[in-house]
N, C-alpha and C. Protein backbone atom coordinates (compact mmCIF):
# COMPACT_ATOMS: atom_id res chain seq x y z
N UNK A 1 94.21 90.59 116.50
CA UNK A 1 95.27 92.25 116.50
C UNK A 1 94.65 92.89 117.58
N UNK A 2 95.80 93.20 118.24
CA UNK A 2 95.36 94.85 118.67
C UNK A 2 95.79 95.68 118.15
N UNK A 3 94.86 96.62 117.67
CA UNK A 3 95.58 98.47 117.08
C UNK A 3 95.10 99.53 118.28
N UNK A 4 96.26 100.25 118.40
CA UNK A 4 96.12 101.45 118.90
C UNK A 4 96.79 102.09 118.25
N UNK A 5 95.58 102.76 118.16
CA UNK A 5 96.15 104.46 118.17
C UNK A 5 96.39 105.52 118.25
N UNK A 6 97.44 106.36 118.61
CA UNK A 6 97.60 107.28 119.25
C UNK A 6 98.31 108.76 118.38
N UNK A 7 98.14 110.29 119.49
CA UNK A 7 98.23 111.15 118.53
C UNK A 7 99.65 112.00 119.22
N UNK A 8 100.66 112.43 118.39
CA UNK A 8 101.55 113.14 118.94
C UNK A 8 101.37 113.89 119.02
N UNK A 9 100.32 115.13 119.12
CA UNK A 9 100.30 115.71 120.08
C UNK A 9 99.75 115.56 121.79
N UNK A 10 99.59 114.36 122.03
CA UNK A 10 99.39 113.52 123.22
C UNK A 10 97.81 113.82 124.12
N UNK A 11 96.92 114.07 122.46
CA UNK A 11 95.50 113.67 122.59
C UNK A 11 95.21 113.74 123.75
N UNK A 12 94.50 113.74 124.62
CA UNK A 12 93.82 112.10 126.02
C UNK A 12 92.20 110.99 125.76
N UNK A 13 92.15 111.74 124.15
CA UNK A 13 90.76 110.77 123.69
C UNK A 13 91.56 109.76 122.96
N UNK A 14 90.28 109.40 124.00
CA UNK A 14 90.84 107.69 123.21
C UNK A 14 90.10 107.27 121.32
N UNK A 15 90.31 106.68 120.37
CA UNK A 15 90.16 106.61 119.39
C UNK A 15 89.91 105.06 118.91
N UNK A 16 88.68 104.69 118.19
CA UNK A 16 88.70 103.58 118.07
C UNK A 16 88.85 103.73 116.52
N UNK A 17 89.98 102.67 116.26
CA UNK A 17 90.03 101.25 114.73
C UNK A 17 88.35 101.84 114.09
N UNK A 18 88.47 102.04 112.81
CA UNK A 18 86.94 101.60 111.96
C UNK A 18 86.69 99.58 111.71
N UNK A 19 85.96 99.79 111.22
CA UNK A 19 85.57 98.03 111.08
C UNK A 19 86.32 98.03 110.12
N UNK A 20 86.08 99.31 109.09
CA UNK A 20 87.49 99.15 107.54
C UNK A 20 89.45 99.29 107.91
N UNK A 21 89.54 99.63 109.33
CA UNK A 21 90.82 99.69 109.24
C UNK A 21 90.88 98.14 110.29
N UNK A 22 90.60 97.57 110.61
CA UNK A 22 90.63 96.22 111.50
C UNK A 22 90.47 95.19 109.40
N UNK A 23 89.35 95.55 109.50
CA UNK A 23 89.45 94.52 107.61
C UNK A 23 90.86 94.35 106.93
N UNK A 24 90.84 95.78 106.34
CA UNK A 24 91.83 95.76 105.89
C UNK A 24 92.76 95.21 106.76
N UNK A 25 93.34 96.02 107.26
CA UNK A 25 94.15 95.04 108.30
C UNK A 25 94.16 93.44 108.31
N UNK A 26 93.37 92.42 108.17
CA UNK A 26 93.12 91.45 108.99
C UNK A 26 93.39 91.11 106.98
N UNK A 27 92.88 91.73 106.62
CA UNK A 27 93.40 91.15 104.75
C UNK A 27 95.00 91.03 104.34
N UNK A 28 95.83 92.16 104.91
CA UNK A 28 97.08 92.64 104.97
C UNK A 28 97.67 91.53 105.56
N UNK A 29 97.51 90.63 106.98
CA UNK A 29 97.86 90.31 107.41
C UNK A 29 97.67 88.78 106.93
N UNK A 30 96.34 88.47 106.11
CA UNK A 30 96.73 87.39 105.30
C UNK A 30 97.37 87.03 104.17
N UNK A 31 97.15 88.02 103.37
CA UNK A 31 98.37 87.99 101.90
C UNK A 31 99.69 87.89 102.53
N UNK A 32 100.39 88.90 103.51
CA UNK A 32 101.32 88.18 104.42
C UNK A 32 101.68 86.75 104.26
N UNK A 33 100.47 85.90 105.14
CA UNK A 33 100.79 84.69 106.10
C UNK A 33 100.80 83.75 104.97
N UNK A 34 100.20 84.24 103.67
CA UNK A 34 100.28 83.02 102.27
C UNK A 34 101.11 82.98 101.49
N UNK A 35 102.07 84.76 101.46
CA UNK A 35 103.83 84.25 101.46
C UNK A 35 104.26 83.80 102.17
N UNK A 36 103.79 83.50 103.09
CA UNK A 36 105.31 82.60 104.14
C UNK A 36 105.88 83.61 104.92
N UNK A 37 105.21 85.49 104.84
CA UNK A 37 106.08 86.00 106.14
C UNK A 37 105.27 86.65 106.55
N UNK A 38 104.41 87.06 108.26
CA UNK A 38 103.45 87.95 109.15
C UNK A 38 104.82 88.64 109.97
N UNK A 39 104.63 89.47 110.08
CA UNK A 39 104.63 90.68 110.83
C UNK A 39 104.81 90.78 112.74
N UNK A 40 105.67 91.47 113.15
CA UNK A 40 104.88 91.04 114.55
C UNK A 40 104.05 91.92 115.05
N UNK A 41 104.49 93.75 114.14
CA UNK A 41 104.68 94.50 114.32
C UNK A 41 103.60 95.92 112.85
N UNK A 42 103.39 96.41 113.06
CA UNK A 42 102.84 97.63 111.67
C UNK A 42 102.53 98.42 112.32
N UNK A 43 103.70 100.33 111.76
CA UNK A 43 103.49 100.93 112.70
C UNK A 43 102.98 101.90 111.69
N UNK A 44 102.28 102.16 111.49
CA UNK A 44 102.13 103.06 110.54
C UNK A 44 101.60 104.22 111.24
N UNK A 45 102.13 105.56 110.60
CA UNK A 45 102.03 106.92 110.30
C UNK A 45 101.27 107.92 109.92
N UNK A 46 101.08 108.94 109.83
CA UNK A 46 99.82 109.14 108.92
C UNK A 46 99.63 111.04 109.87
N UNK A 47 100.50 111.91 108.21
CA UNK A 47 100.74 113.18 109.04
C UNK A 47 100.11 114.30 107.57
N UNK A 48 100.04 115.64 108.29
CA UNK A 48 99.41 116.36 106.97
C UNK A 48 100.78 117.18 107.03
N UNK A 49 101.08 118.06 105.93
CA UNK A 49 102.58 119.14 105.79
C UNK A 49 101.55 120.61 105.86
N UNK A 50 102.59 121.59 106.02
CA UNK A 50 102.13 122.44 105.69
C UNK A 50 100.99 122.84 105.19
N UNK A 51 101.44 122.32 103.92
CA UNK A 51 100.69 122.58 102.36
C UNK A 51 99.36 122.02 102.62
N UNK A 52 99.21 121.59 103.25
CA UNK A 52 98.11 120.97 102.44
C UNK A 52 98.22 119.03 102.51
N UNK A 53 99.43 118.76 102.14
CA UNK A 53 100.01 117.34 101.98
C UNK A 53 100.07 116.70 102.81
N UNK A 54 99.12 114.71 102.24
CA UNK A 54 99.49 113.64 103.27
C UNK A 54 101.10 113.30 103.22
N UNK A 55 101.20 112.85 104.72
CA UNK A 55 102.47 111.81 103.95
C UNK A 55 101.69 110.73 105.64
N UNK A 56 102.33 109.54 104.78
CA UNK A 56 101.73 107.98 105.23
C UNK A 56 103.28 107.10 104.95
N UNK A 57 103.26 106.66 105.95
CA UNK A 57 104.12 105.50 106.04
C UNK A 57 104.29 104.32 107.07
N UNK A 58 104.70 103.05 107.04
CA UNK A 58 104.80 102.40 107.14
C UNK A 58 106.28 101.48 107.46
N UNK A 59 105.78 100.86 108.82
CA UNK A 59 107.28 100.45 109.05
C UNK A 59 106.77 99.00 109.89
N UNK A 60 107.40 97.84 109.07
CA UNK A 60 107.36 96.11 109.43
C UNK A 60 108.25 95.87 110.48
N UNK A 61 107.69 94.47 111.67
CA UNK A 61 108.48 94.77 112.78
C UNK A 61 108.30 92.49 111.97
N UNK A 62 109.53 92.23 112.02
CA UNK A 62 109.25 90.78 111.49
C UNK A 62 109.85 90.34 112.68
């Protein structure tokens, strides 16, 4: 599984996923596979709103 982390601000510093991210995505993939369908890609977006609240979203491509 390839994990790519990018910044909408175009930050040039490379960011590596943590072990928790890897293990969580593998667990989620196993869960989907057990139910008969696995995605080709999953795109997660995380942003902080002006008031300090966090916004999360995910898009799966099958």
